[in-house]
Amino acid sequence: MDDDEFEDYDREVELALYREYRDVVAQFQYVIETERRFYLANEVQQVVREVAGDFFFELTLTDVWVWDVYRSDRFVKSVKVLTFKDVNVEELGKKELKLPKELALDE
């Protein structure tokens, strides 16, 4: 496989992942972003743990979709994340967002 074929394959896999995300996002209540991964989940528990003058975040996610192009099954029952880095948890609104036509992929 030459570089162009690999880039085309990589682009197609990323596009398929984005389309899957777009199809499933309405089923979830939260978007969670860590330094390593991006998740959709229906339940999030976040605890700040202190150890020897430092702290870390412990996240427990339930009913999860994982943004990871290399996973064969992105739907997971639960995920536990431990991190010293920033964590972003956003609650999704219930209204459906639509991309402007000029940004739509399927039209």
PDB file of N, CA and C in Angstrom:
ATOM      1  N   MET A   1       0.864  -1.175   0.000  1.00  0.00           N
ATOM      2  CA  MET A   1       0.000   0.000   0.000  1.00  0.00           C
ATOM      3  C   MET A   1       0.904   1.228   0.000  1.00  0.00           C
ATOM      4  N   ASP A   2       0.715   2.090  -0.994  1.00  0.00           N
ATOM      5  CA  ASP A   2       1.544   3.295  -1.040  1.00  0.00           C
ATOM      6  C   ASP A   2       0.940   4.392  -0.158  1.00  0.00           C
ATOM      7  N   ASP A   3       1.638   5.497  -0.015  1.00  0.00           N
ATOM      8  CA  ASP A   3       1.215   6.574   0.889  1.00  0.00           C
ATOM      9  C   ASP A   3      -0.148   7.149   0.528  1.00  0.00           C
ATOM     10  N   ASP A   4      -0.412   7.315  -0.773  1.00  0.00           N
ATOM     11  CA  ASP A   4      -1.709   7.868  -1.200  1.00  0.00           C
ATOM     12  C   ASP A   4      -2.860   6.930  -0.853  1.00  0.00           C
ATOM     13  N   GLU A   5      -2.648   5.635  -1.066  1.00  0.00           N
ATOM     14  CA  GLU A   5      -3.685   4.655  -0.722  1.00  0.00           C
ATOM     15  C   GLU A   5      -3.937   4.631   0.779  1.00  0.00           C
ATOM     16  N   PHE A   6      -2.857   4.711   1.545  1.00  0.00           N
ATOM     17  CA  PHE A   6      -2.997   4.729   2.998  1.00  0.00           C
ATOM     18  C   PHE A   6      -3.744   5.977   3.457  1.00  0.00           C
ATOM     19  N   GLU A   7      -3.418   7.137   2.904  1.00  0.00           N
ATOM     20  CA  GLU A   7      -4.111   8.380   3.265  1.00  0.00           C
ATOM     21  C   GLU A   7      -5.584   8.312   2.890  1.00  0.00           C
ATOM     22  N   ASP A   8      -5.902   7.749   1.714  1.00  0.00           N
ATOM     23  CA  ASP A   8      -7.302   7.594   1.306  1.00  0.00           C
ATOM     24  C   ASP A   8      -8.042   6.671   2.262  1.00  0.00           C
ATOM     25  N   TYR A   9      -7.413   5.553   2.633  1.00  0.00           N
ATOM     26  CA  TYR A   9      -8.022   4.615   3.572  1.00  0.00           C
ATOM     27  C   TYR A   9      -8.252   5.284   4.922  1.00  0.00           C
ATOM     28  N   ASP A  10      -7.246   5.977   5.423  1.00  0.00           N
ATOM     29  CA  ASP A  10      -7.342   6.665   6.708  1.00  0.00           C
ATOM     30  C   ASP A  10      -8.461   7.707   6.691  1.00  0.00           C
ATOM     31  N   ARG A  11      -8.562   8.439   5.613  1.00  0.00           N
ATOM     32  CA  ARG A  11      -9.610   9.457   5.478  1.00  0.00           C
ATOM     33  C   ARG A  11     -10.996   8.807   5.461  1.00  0.00           C
ATOM     34  N   GLU A  12     -11.142   7.706   4.761  1.00  0.00           N
ATOM     35  CA  GLU A  12     -12.427   6.997   4.700  1.00  0.00           C
ATOM     36  C   GLU A  12     -12.835   6.444   6.065  1.00  0.00           C
ATOM     37  N   VAL A  13     -11.873   5.914   6.817  1.00  0.00           N
ATOM     38  CA  VAL A  13     -12.159   5.366   8.146  1.00  0.00           C
ATOM     39  C   VAL A  13     -12.597   6.488   9.088  1.00  0.00           C
ATOM     40  N   GLU A  14     -11.915   7.627   9.048  1.00  0.00           N
ATOM     41  CA  GLU A  14     -12.300   8.782   9.879  1.00  0.00           C
ATOM     42  C   GLU A  14     -13.679   9.298   9.496  1.00  0.00           C
ATOM     43  N   LEU A  15     -13.972   9.349   8.212  1.00  0.00           N
ATOM     44  CA  LEU A  15     -15.286   9.802   7.750  1.00  0.00           C
ATOM     45  C   LEU A  15     -16.386   8.841   8.209  1.00  0.00           C
ATOM     46  N   ALA A  16     -16.132   7.544   8.158  1.00  0.00           N
ATOM     47  CA  ALA A  16     -17.100   6.554   8.635  1.00  0.00           C
ATOM     48  C   ALA A  16     -17.329   6.715  10.139  1.00  0.00           C
ATOM     49  N   LEU A  17     -16.260   6.989  10.888  1.00  0.00           N
ATOM     50  CA  LEU A  17     -16.388   7.203  12.329  1.00  0.00           C
ATOM     51  C   LEU A  17     -17.229   8.445  12.615  1.00  0.00           C
ATOM     52  N   TYR A  18     -16.983   9.528  11.888  1.00  0.00           N
ATOM     53  CA  TYR A  18     -17.780  10.740  12.067  1.00  0.00           C
ATOM     54  C   TYR A  18     -19.253  10.464  11.764  1.00  0.00           C
ATOM     55  N   ARG A  19     -19.508   9.738  10.705  1.00  0.00           N
ATOM     56  CA  ARG A  19     -20.907   9.427  10.355  1.00  0.00           C
ATOM     57  C   ARG A  19     -21.573   8.591  11.442  1.00  0.00           C
ATOM     58  N   GLU A  20     -20.831   7.637  12.008  1.00  0.00           N
ATOM     59  CA  GLU A  20     -21.378   6.843  13.108  1.00  0.00           C
ATOM     60  C   GLU A  20     -21.691   7.739  14.307  1.00  0.00           C
ATOM     61  N   TYR A  21     -20.761   8.639  14.643  1.00  0.00           N
ATOM     62  CA  TYR A  21     -20.981   9.593  15.735  1.00  0.00           C
ATOM     63  C   TYR A  21     -22.258  10.398  15.481  1.00  0.00           C
ATOM     64  N   ARG A  22     -22.390  10.921  14.297  1.00  0.00           N
ATOM     65  CA  ARG A  22     -23.560  11.728  13.940  1.00  0.00           C
ATOM     66  C   ARG A  22     -24.858  10.931  14.091  1.00  0.00           C
ATOM     67  N   ASP A  23     -24.800   9.641  13.785  1.00  0.00           N
ATOM     68  CA  ASP A  23     -25.985   8.791  13.876  1.00  0.00           C
ATOM     69  C   ASP A  23     -26.347   8.434  15.314  1.00  0.00           C
ATOM     70  N   VAL A  24     -25.365   8.360  16.223  1.00  0.00           N
ATOM     71  CA  VAL A  24     -25.639   7.892  17.581  1.00  0.00           C
ATOM     72  C   VAL A  24     -25.697   9.004  18.633  1.00  0.00           C
ATOM     73  N   VAL A  25     -25.213  10.195  18.340  1.00  0.00           N
ATOM     74  CA  VAL A  25     -25.098  11.239  19.367  1.00  0.00           C
ATOM     75  C   VAL A  25     -26.438  11.555  20.034  1.00  0.00           C
ATOM     76  N   ALA A  26     -27.531  11.479  19.311  1.00  0.00           N
ATOM     77  CA  ALA A  26     -28.843  11.811  19.881  1.00  0.00           C
ATOM     78  C   ALA A  26     -29.278  10.813  20.956  1.00  0.00           C
ATOM     79  N   GLN A  27     -28.631   9.659  21.044  1.00  0.00           N
ATOM     80  CA  GLN A  27     -28.980   8.643  22.033  1.00  0.00           C
ATOM     81  C   GLN A  27     -28.300   8.872  23.383  1.00  0.00           C
ATOM     82  N   PHE A  28     -27.455   9.889  23.478  1.00  0.00           N
ATOM     83  CA  PHE A  28     -26.647  10.095  24.679  1.00  0.00           C
ATOM     84  C   PHE A  28     -26.910  11.444  25.319  1.00  0.00           C
ATOM     85  N   GLN A  29     -26.615  11.530  26.606  1.00  0.00           N
ATOM     86  CA  GLN A  29     -26.877  12.731  27.386  1.00  0.00           C
ATOM     87  C   GLN A  29     -25.626  13.593  27.595  1.00  0.00           C
ATOM     88  N   TYR A  30     -24.435  12.974  27.583  1.00  0.00           N
ATOM     89  CA  TYR A  30     -23.206  13.709  27.883  1.00  0.00           C
ATOM     90  C   TYR A  30     -22.127  13.466  26.831  1.00  0.00           C
ATOM     91  N   VAL A  31     -21.307  14.494  26.639  1.00  0.00           N
ATOM     92  CA  VAL A  31     -20.081  14.408  25.862  1.00  0.00           C
ATOM     93  C   VAL A  31     -18.943  14.577  26.857  1.00  0.00           C
ATOM     94  N   ILE A  32     -17.974  13.655  26.825  1.00  0.00           N
ATOM     95  CA  ILE A  32     -16.849  13.696  27.757  1.00  0.00           C
ATOM     96  C   ILE A  32     -15.570  13.693  26.940  1.00  0.00           C
ATOM     97  N   GLU A  33     -14.696  14.642  27.254  1.00  0.00           N
ATOM     98  CA  GLU A  33     -13.431  14.754  26.540  1.00  0.00           C
ATOM     99  C   GLU A  33     -12.287  14.685  27.548  1.00  0.00           C
ATOM    100  N   THR A  34     -11.361  13.771  27.312  1.00  0.00           N
ATOM    101  CA  THR A  34     -10.158  13.666  28.127  1.00  0.00           C
ATOM    102  C   THR A  34      -8.959  13.880  27.207  1.00  0.00           C
ATOM    103  N   GLU A  35      -7.758  13.824  27.772  1.00  0.00           N
ATOM    104  CA  GLU A  35      -6.573  14.029  26.938  1.00  0.00           C
ATOM    105  C   GLU A  35      -6.362  12.868  25.958  1.00  0.00           C
ATOM    106  N   ARG A  36      -6.961  11.722  26.229  1.00  0.00           N
ATOM    107  CA  ARG A  36      -6.740  10.538  25.387  1.00  0.00           C
ATOM    108  C   ARG A  36      -7.932  10.137  24.533  1.00  0.00           C
ATOM    109  N   ARG A  37      -9.151  10.437  24.981  1.00  0.00           N
ATOM    110  CA  ARG A  37     -10.330   9.924  24.296  1.00  0.00           C
ATOM    111  C   ARG A  37     -11.483  10.931  24.328  1.00  0.00           C
ATOM    112  N   PHE A  38     -12.454  10.627  23.487  1.00  0.00           N
ATOM    113  CA  PHE A  38     -13.710  11.366  23.402  1.00  0.00           C
ATOM    114  C   PHE A  38     -14.809  10.326  23.581  1.00  0.00           C
ATOM    115  N   TYR A  39     -15.761  10.611  24.485  1.00  0.00           N
ATOM    116  CA  TYR A  39     -16.819   9.645  24.802  1.00  0.00           C
ATOM    117  C   TYR A  39     -18.193  10.311  24.714  1.00  0.00           C
ATOM    118  N   LEU A  40     -19.197   9.499  24.443  1.00  0.00           N
ATOM    119  CA  LEU A  40     -20.597   9.849  24.653  1.00  0.00           C
ATOM    120  C   LEU A  40     -21.085   8.904  25.743  1.00  0.00           C
ATOM    121  N   ALA A  41     -21.884   9.413  26.693  1.00  0.00           N
ATOM    122  CA  ALA A  41     -22.367   8.551  27.778  1.00  0.00           C
ATOM    123  C   ALA A  41     -23.718   9.046  28.260  1.00  0.00           C
ATOM    124  N   ASN A  42     -24.447   8.152  28.903  1.00  0.00           N
ATOM    125  CA  ASN A  42     -25.732   8.533  29.485  1.00  0.00           C
ATOM    126  C   ASN A  42     -25.645   8.788  30.985  1.00  0.00           C
ATOM    127  N   GLU A  43     -24.540   8.402  31.593  1.00  0.00           N
ATOM    128  CA  GLU A  43     -24.338   8.685  33.020  1.00  0.00           C
ATOM    129  C   GLU A  43     -22.857   8.945  33.253  1.00  0.00           C
ATOM    130  N   VAL A  44     -22.578   9.999  34.037  1.00  0.00           N
ATOM    131  CA  VAL A  44     -21.195  10.362  34.347  1.00  0.00           C
ATOM    132  C   VAL A  44     -21.092  10.644  35.836  1.00  0.00           C
ATOM    133  N   GLN A  45     -20.131  10.004  36.472  1.00  0.00           N
ATOM    134  CA  GLN A  45     -19.790  10.316  37.860  1.00  0.00           C
ATOM    135  C   GLN A  45     -18.345  10.780  37.864  1.00  0.00           C
ATOM    136  N   GLN A  46     -18.118  11.969  38.426  1.00  0.00           N
ATOM    137  CA  GLN A  46     -16.769  12.527  38.465  1.00  0.00           C
ATOM    138  C   GLN A  46     -16.379  12.782  39.910  1.00  0.00           C
ATOM    139  N   VAL A  47     -15.222  12.245  40.313  1.00  0.00           N
ATOM    140  CA  VAL A  47     -14.718  12.412  41.670  1.00  0.00           C
ATOM    141  C   VAL A  47     -13.292  12.936  41.563  1.00  0.00           C
ATOM    142  N   VAL A  48     -12.978  13.951  42.379  1.00  0.00           N
ATOM    143  CA  VAL A  48     -11.609  14.445  42.460  1.00  0.00           C
ATOM    144  C   VAL A  48     -10.945  13.747  43.640  1.00  0.00           C
ATOM    145  N   ARG A  49      -9.845  13.043  43.387  1.00  0.00           N
ATOM    146  CA  ARG A  49      -9.116  12.304  44.419  1.00  0.00           C
ATOM    147  C   ARG A  49      -7.820  13.052  44.740  1.00  0.00           C
ATOM    148  N   GLU A  50      -7.519  13.174  46.029  1.00  0.00           N
ATOM    149  CA  GLU A  50      -6.269  13.810  46.463  1.00  0.00           C
ATOM    150  C   GLU A  50      -5.335  12.764  47.036  1.00  0.00           C
ATOM    151  N   VAL A  51      -4.059  12.837  46.597  1.00  0.00           N
ATOM    152  CA  VAL A  51      -3.033  11.909  47.068  1.00  0.00           C
ATOM    153  C   VAL A  51      -1.735  12.696  47.233  1.00  0.00           C
ATOM    154  N   ALA A  52      -1.222  12.716  48.441  1.00  0.00           N
ATOM    155  CA  ALA A  52       0.082  13.334  48.731  1.00  0.00           C
ATOM    156  C   ALA A  52       0.214  14.734  48.148  1.00  0.00           C
ATOM    157  N   GLY A  53      -0.781  15.558  48.364  1.00  0.00           N
ATOM    158  CA  GLY A  53      -0.719  16.945  47.914  1.00  0.00           C
ATOM    159  C   GLY A  53      -1.021  17.158  46.444  1.00  0.00           C
ATOM    160  N   ASP A  54      -1.291  16.109  45.701  1.00  0.00           N
ATOM    161  CA  ASP A  54      -1.658  16.213  44.291  1.00  0.00           C
ATOM    162  C   ASP A  54      -3.084  15.690  44.142  1.00  0.00           C
ATOM    163  N   PHE A  55      -3.662  15.844  42.971  1.00  0.00           N
ATOM    164  CA  PHE A  55      -5.019  15.342  42.758  1.00  0.00           C
ATOM    165  C   PHE A  55      -5.139  14.752  41.364  1.00  0.00           C
ATOM    166  N   PHE A  56      -6.161  13.907  41.190  1.00  0.00           N
ATOM    167  CA  PHE A  56      -6.498  13.374  39.881  1.00  0.00           C
ATOM    168  C   PHE A  56      -8.008  13.206  39.803  1.00  0.00           C
ATOM    169  N   PHE A  57      -8.495  13.049  38.591  1.00  0.00           N
ATOM    170  CA  PHE A  57      -9.922  12.869  38.356  1.00  0.00           C
ATOM    171  C   PHE A  57     -10.211  11.391  38.133  1.00  0.00           C
ATOM    172  N   GLU A  58     -11.288  10.928  38.745  1.00  0.00           N
ATOM    173  CA  GLU A  58     -11.787   9.580  38.502  1.00  0.00           C
ATOM    174  C   GLU A  58     -13.176   9.714  37.898  1.00  0.00           C
ATOM    175  N   LEU A  59     -13.323   9.243  36.681  1.00  0.00           N
ATOM    176  CA  LEU A  59     -14.604   9.288  35.987  1.00  0.00           C
ATOM    177  C   LEU A  59     -15.136   7.882  35.839  1.00  0.00           C
ATOM    178  N   THR A  60     -16.420   7.712  36.100  1.00  0.00           N
ATOM    179  CA  THR A  60     -17.102   6.458  35.826  1.00  0.00           C
ATOM    180  C   THR A  60     -18.227   6.780  34.851  1.00  0.00           C
ATOM    181  N   LEU A  61     -18.154   6.192  33.673  1.00  0.00           N
ATOM    182  CA  LEU A  61     -19.130   6.436  32.609  1.00  0.00           C
ATOM    183  C   LEU A  61     -19.954   5.175  32.398  1.00  0.00           C
ATOM    184  N   THR A  62     -21.242   5.356  32.157  1.00  0.00           N
ATOM    185  CA  THR A  62     -22.143   4.223  31.933  1.00  0.00           C
ATOM    186  C   THR A  62     -22.879   4.419  30.615  1.00  0.00           C
ATOM    187  N   ASP A  63     -23.095   3.318  29.908  1.00  0.00           N
ATOM    188  CA  ASP A  63     -23.773   3.336  28.603  1.00  0.00           C
ATOM    189  C   ASP A  63     -22.991   4.259  27.679  1.00  0.00           C
ATOM    190  N   VAL A  64     -21.864   3.769  27.158  1.00  0.00           N
ATOM    191  CA  VAL A  64     -20.842   4.611  26.541  1.00  0.00           C
ATOM    192  C   VAL A  64     -20.612   4.259  25.076  1.00  0.00           C
ATOM    193  N   TRP A  65     -20.322   5.303  24.293  1.00  0.00           N
ATOM    194  CA  TRP A  65     -19.813   5.170  22.933  1.00  0.00           C
ATOM    195  C   TRP A  65     -18.448   5.839  22.922  1.00  0.00           C
ATOM    196  N   VAL A  66     -17.429   5.145  22.385  1.00  0.00           N
ATOM    197  CA  VAL A  66     -16.048   5.626  22.416  1.00  0.00           C
ATOM    198  C   VAL A  66     -15.611   6.027  21.013  1.00  0.00           C
ATOM    199  N   TRP A  67     -15.106   7.270  20.880  1.00  0.00           N
ATOM    200  CA  TRP A  67     -14.561   7.723  19.601  1.00  0.00           C
ATOM    201  C   TRP A  67     -13.168   7.123  19.469  1.00  0.00           C
ATOM    202  N   ASP A  68     -13.072   6.032  18.752  1.00  0.00           N
ATOM    203  CA  ASP A  68     -11.786   5.372  18.547  1.00  0.00           C
ATOM    204  C   ASP A  68     -11.872   4.578  17.253  1.00  0.00           C
ATOM    205  N   VAL A  69     -11.148   5.011  16.278  1.00  0.00           N
ATOM    206  CA  VAL A  69     -11.217   4.416  14.952  1.00  0.00           C
ATOM    207  C   VAL A  69     -10.737   2.967  14.942  1.00  0.00           C
ATOM    208  N   TYR A  70      -9.929   2.568  15.913  1.00  0.00           N
ATOM    209  CA  TYR A  70      -9.340   1.229  15.906  1.00  0.00           C
ATOM    210  C   TYR A  70     -10.146   0.197  16.689  1.00  0.00           C
ATOM    211  N   ARG A  71     -11.248   0.595  17.326  1.00  0.00           N
ATOM    212  CA  ARG A  71     -12.086  -0.355  18.069  1.00  0.00           C
ATOM    213  C   ARG A  71     -13.080  -1.004  17.125  1.00  0.00           C
ATOM    214  N   SER A  72     -13.285  -2.289  17.285  1.00  0.00           N
ATOM    215  CA  SER A  72     -14.292  -2.963  16.461  1.00  0.00           C
ATOM    216  C   SER A  72     -15.697  -2.718  17.011  1.00  0.00           C
ATOM    217  N   ASP A  73     -15.817  -2.553  18.323  1.00  0.00           N
ATOM    218  CA  ASP A  73     -17.108  -2.272  18.951  1.00  0.00           C
ATOM    219  C   ASP A  73     -16.950  -1.039  19.836  1.00  0.00           C
ATOM    220  N   ARG A  74     -17.551   0.053  19.418  1.00  0.00           N
ATOM    221  CA  ARG A  74     -17.402   1.310  20.156  1.00  0.00           C
ATOM    222  C   ARG A  74     -18.435   1.478  21.274  1.00  0.00           C
ATOM    223  N   PHE A  75     -19.431   0.594  21.342  1.00  0.00           N
ATOM    224  CA  PHE A  75     -20.422   0.655  22.405  1.00  0.00           C
ATOM    225  C   PHE A  75     -19.932  -0.176  23.595  1.00  0.00           C
ATOM    226  N   VAL A  76     -19.872   0.461  24.774  1.00  0.00           N
ATOM    227  CA  VAL A  76     -19.324  -0.172  25.962  1.00  0.00           C
ATOM    228  C   VAL A  76     -20.303   0.035  27.114  1.00  0.00           C
ATOM    229  N   LYS A  77     -20.453  -0.973  27.963  1.00  0.00           N
ATOM    230  CA  LYS A  77     -21.368  -0.873  29.107  1.00  0.00           C
ATOM    231  C   LYS A  77     -20.888   0.156  30.122  1.00  0.00           C
ATOM    232  N   SER A  78     -19.594   0.133  30.458  1.00  0.00           N
ATOM    233  CA  SER A  78     -19.068   1.120  31.403  1.00  0.00           C
ATOM    234  C   SER A  78     -17.583   1.344  31.148  1.00  0.00           C
ATOM    235  N   VAL A  79     -17.122   2.530  31.549  1.00  0.00           N
ATOM    236  CA  VAL A  79     -15.716   2.913  31.387  1.00  0.00           C
ATOM    237  C   VAL A  79     -15.289   3.641  32.653  1.00  0.00           C
ATOM    238  N   LYS A  80     -14.084   3.339  33.121  1.00  0.00           N
ATOM    239  CA  LYS A  80     -13.502   4.071  34.240  1.00  0.00           C
ATOM    240  C   LYS A  80     -12.247   4.768  33.719  1.00  0.00           C
ATOM    241  N   VAL A  81     -12.150   6.069  33.973  1.00  0.00           N
ATOM    242  CA  VAL A  81     -11.024   6.871  33.509  1.00  0.00           C
ATOM    243  C   VAL A  81     -10.353   7.499  34.720  1.00  0.00           C
ATOM    244  N   LEU A  82      -9.035   7.366  34.815  1.00  0.00           N
ATOM    245  CA  LEU A  82      -8.239   8.038  35.832  1.00  0.00           C
ATOM    246  C   LEU A  82      -7.273   8.953  35.093  1.00  0.00           C
ATOM    247  N   THR A  83      -7.257  10.257  35.446  1.00  0.00           N
ATOM    248  CA  THR A  83      -6.403  11.185  34.726  1.00  0.00           C
ATOM    249  C   THR A  83      -5.972  12.348  35.611  1.00  0.00           C
ATOM    250  N   PHE A  84      -4.763  12.803  35.383  1.00  0.00           N
ATOM    251  CA  PHE A  84      -4.247  13.999  36.034  1.00  0.00           C
ATOM    252  C   PHE A  84      -4.481  15.227  35.152  1.00  0.00           C
ATOM    253  N   LYS A  85      -4.950  15.021  33.939  1.00  0.00           N
ATOM    254  CA  LYS A  85      -5.137  16.095  32.964  1.00  0.00           C
ATOM    255  C   LYS A  85      -6.569  16.626  33.037  1.00  0.00           C
ATOM    256  N   ASP A  86      -6.815  17.662  32.231  1.00  0.00           N
ATOM    257  CA  ASP A  86      -8.140  18.267  32.175  1.00  0.00           C
ATOM    258  C   ASP A  86      -9.192  17.277  31.685  1.00  0.00           C
ATOM    259  N   VAL A  87     -10.404  17.458  32.188  1.00  0.00           N
ATOM    260  CA  VAL A  87     -11.564  16.680  31.771  1.00  0.00           C
ATOM    261  C   VAL A  87     -12.672  17.672  31.453  1.00  0.00           C
ATOM    262  N   ASN A  88     -13.342  17.455  30.339  1.00  0.00           N
ATOM    263  CA  ASN A  88     -14.458  18.304  29.952  1.00  0.00           C
ATOM    264  C   ASN A  88     -15.710  17.429  29.859  1.00  0.00           C
ATOM    265  N   VAL A  89     -16.736  17.772  30.644  1.00  0.00           N
ATOM    266  CA  VAL A  89     -18.007  17.043  30.617  1.00  0.00           C
ATOM    267  C   VAL A  89     -19.091  18.051  30.253  1.00  0.00           C
ATOM    268  N   GLU A  90     -19.797  17.780  29.173  1.00  0.00           N
ATOM    269  CA  GLU A  90     -20.877  18.656  28.720  1.00  0.00           C
ATOM    270  C   GLU A  90     -22.170  17.867  28.623  1.00  0.00           C
ATOM    271  N   GLU A  91     -23.243  18.476  29.098  1.00  0.00           N
ATOM    272  CA  GLU A  91     -24.561  17.854  28.947  1.00  0.00           C
ATOM    273  C   GLU A  91     -25.138  18.316  27.621  1.00  0.00           C
ATOM    274  N   LEU A  92     -25.570  17.358  26.816  1.00  0.00           N
ATOM    275  CA  LEU A  92     -26.147  17.675  25.517  1.00  0.00           C
ATOM    276  C   LEU A  92     -27.568  18.176  25.669  1.00  0.00           C
ATOM    277  N   GLY A  93     -27.947  19.109  24.826  1.00  0.00           N
ATOM    278  CA  GLY A  93     -29.332  19.571  24.790  1.00  0.00           C
ATOM    279  C   GLY A  93     -30.200  18.540  24.094  1.00  0.00           C
ATOM    280  N   LYS A  94     -31.478  18.614  24.326  1.00  0.00           N
ATOM    281  CA  LYS A  94     -32.387  17.635  23.736  1.00  0.00           C
ATOM    282  C   LYS A  94     -32.797  17.997  22.318  1.00  0.00           C
ATOM    283  N   LYS A  95     -32.596  19.252  21.914  1.00  0.00           N
ATOM    284  CA  LYS A  95     -32.977  19.605  20.547  1.00  0.00           C
ATOM    285  C   LYS A  95     -31.940  19.060  19.571  1.00  0.00           C
ATOM    286  N   GLU A  96     -32.386  18.736  18.398  1.00  0.00           N
ATOM    287  CA  GLU A  96     -31.499  18.170  17.400  1.00  0.00           C
ATOM    288  C   GLU A  96     -30.809  19.282  16.632  1.00  0.00           C
ATOM    289  N   LEU A  97     -29.496  19.189  16.577  1.00  0.00           N
ATOM    290  CA  LEU A  97     -28.715  20.174  15.844  1.00  0.00           C
ATOM    291  C   LEU A  97     -28.499  19.684  14.422  1.00  0.00           C
ATOM    292  N   LYS A  98     -28.556  20.599  13.469  1.00  0.00           N
ATOM    293  CA  LYS A  98     -28.334  20.231  12.080  1.00  0.00           C
ATOM    294  C   LYS A  98     -27.182  21.049  11.535  1.00  0.00           C
ATOM    295  N   LEU A  99     -26.353  20.388  10.761  1.00  0.00           N
ATOM    296  CA  LEU A  99     -25.260  21.084  10.102  1.00  0.00           C
ATOM    297  C   LEU A  99     -25.802  21.964   8.984  1.00  0.00           C
ATOM    298  N   PRO A 100     -25.177  23.105   8.750  1.00  0.00           N
ATOM    299  CA  PRO A 100     -25.566  23.899   7.570  1.00  0.00           C
ATOM    300  C   PRO A 100     -25.334  23.074   6.307  1.00  0.00           C
ATOM    301  N   LYS A 101     -26.116  23.336   5.268  1.00  0.00           N
ATOM    302  CA  LYS A 101     -26.022  22.544   4.041  1.00  0.00           C
ATOM    303  C   LYS A 101     -24.607  22.512   3.475  1.00  0.00           C
ATOM    304  N   GLU A 102     -23.896  23.630   3.572  1.00  0.00           N
ATOM    305  CA  GLU A 102     -22.555  23.669   2.997  1.00  0.00           C
ATOM    306  C   GLU A 102     -21.557  22.775   3.749  1.00  0.00           C
ATOM    307  N   LEU A 103     -21.908  22.343   4.971  1.00  0.00           N
ATOM    308  CA  LEU A 103     -21.049  21.450   5.747  1.00  0.00           C
ATOM    309  C   LEU A 103     -21.539  20.007   5.758  1.00  0.00           C
ATOM    310  N   ALA A 104     -22.719  19.764   5.227  1.00  0.00           N
ATOM    311  CA  ALA A 104     -23.288  18.416   5.227  1.00  0.00           C
ATOM    312  C   ALA A 104     -22.454  17.482   4.354  1.00  0.00           C
ATOM    313  N   LEU A 105     -22.322  16.239   4.780  1.00  0.00           N
ATOM    314  CA  LEU A 105     -21.495  15.263   4.066  1.00  0.00           C
ATOM    315  C   LEU A 105     -22.286  14.421   3.074  1.00  0.00           C
ATOM    316  N   ASP A 106     -23.568  14.226   3.329  1.00  0.00           N
ATOM    317  CA  ASP A 106     -24.345  13.295   2.515  1.00  0.00           C
ATOM    318  C   ASP A 106     -25.175  13.959   1.430  1.00  0.00           C
ATOM    319  N   GLU A 107     -25.124  15.250   1.336  1.00  0.00           N
ATOM    320  CA  GLU A 107     -25.995  15.930   0.372  1.00  0.00           C
ATOM    321  C   GLU A 107     -25.217  16.518  -0.763  1.00  0.00           C
TER     322      GLU A 107
END
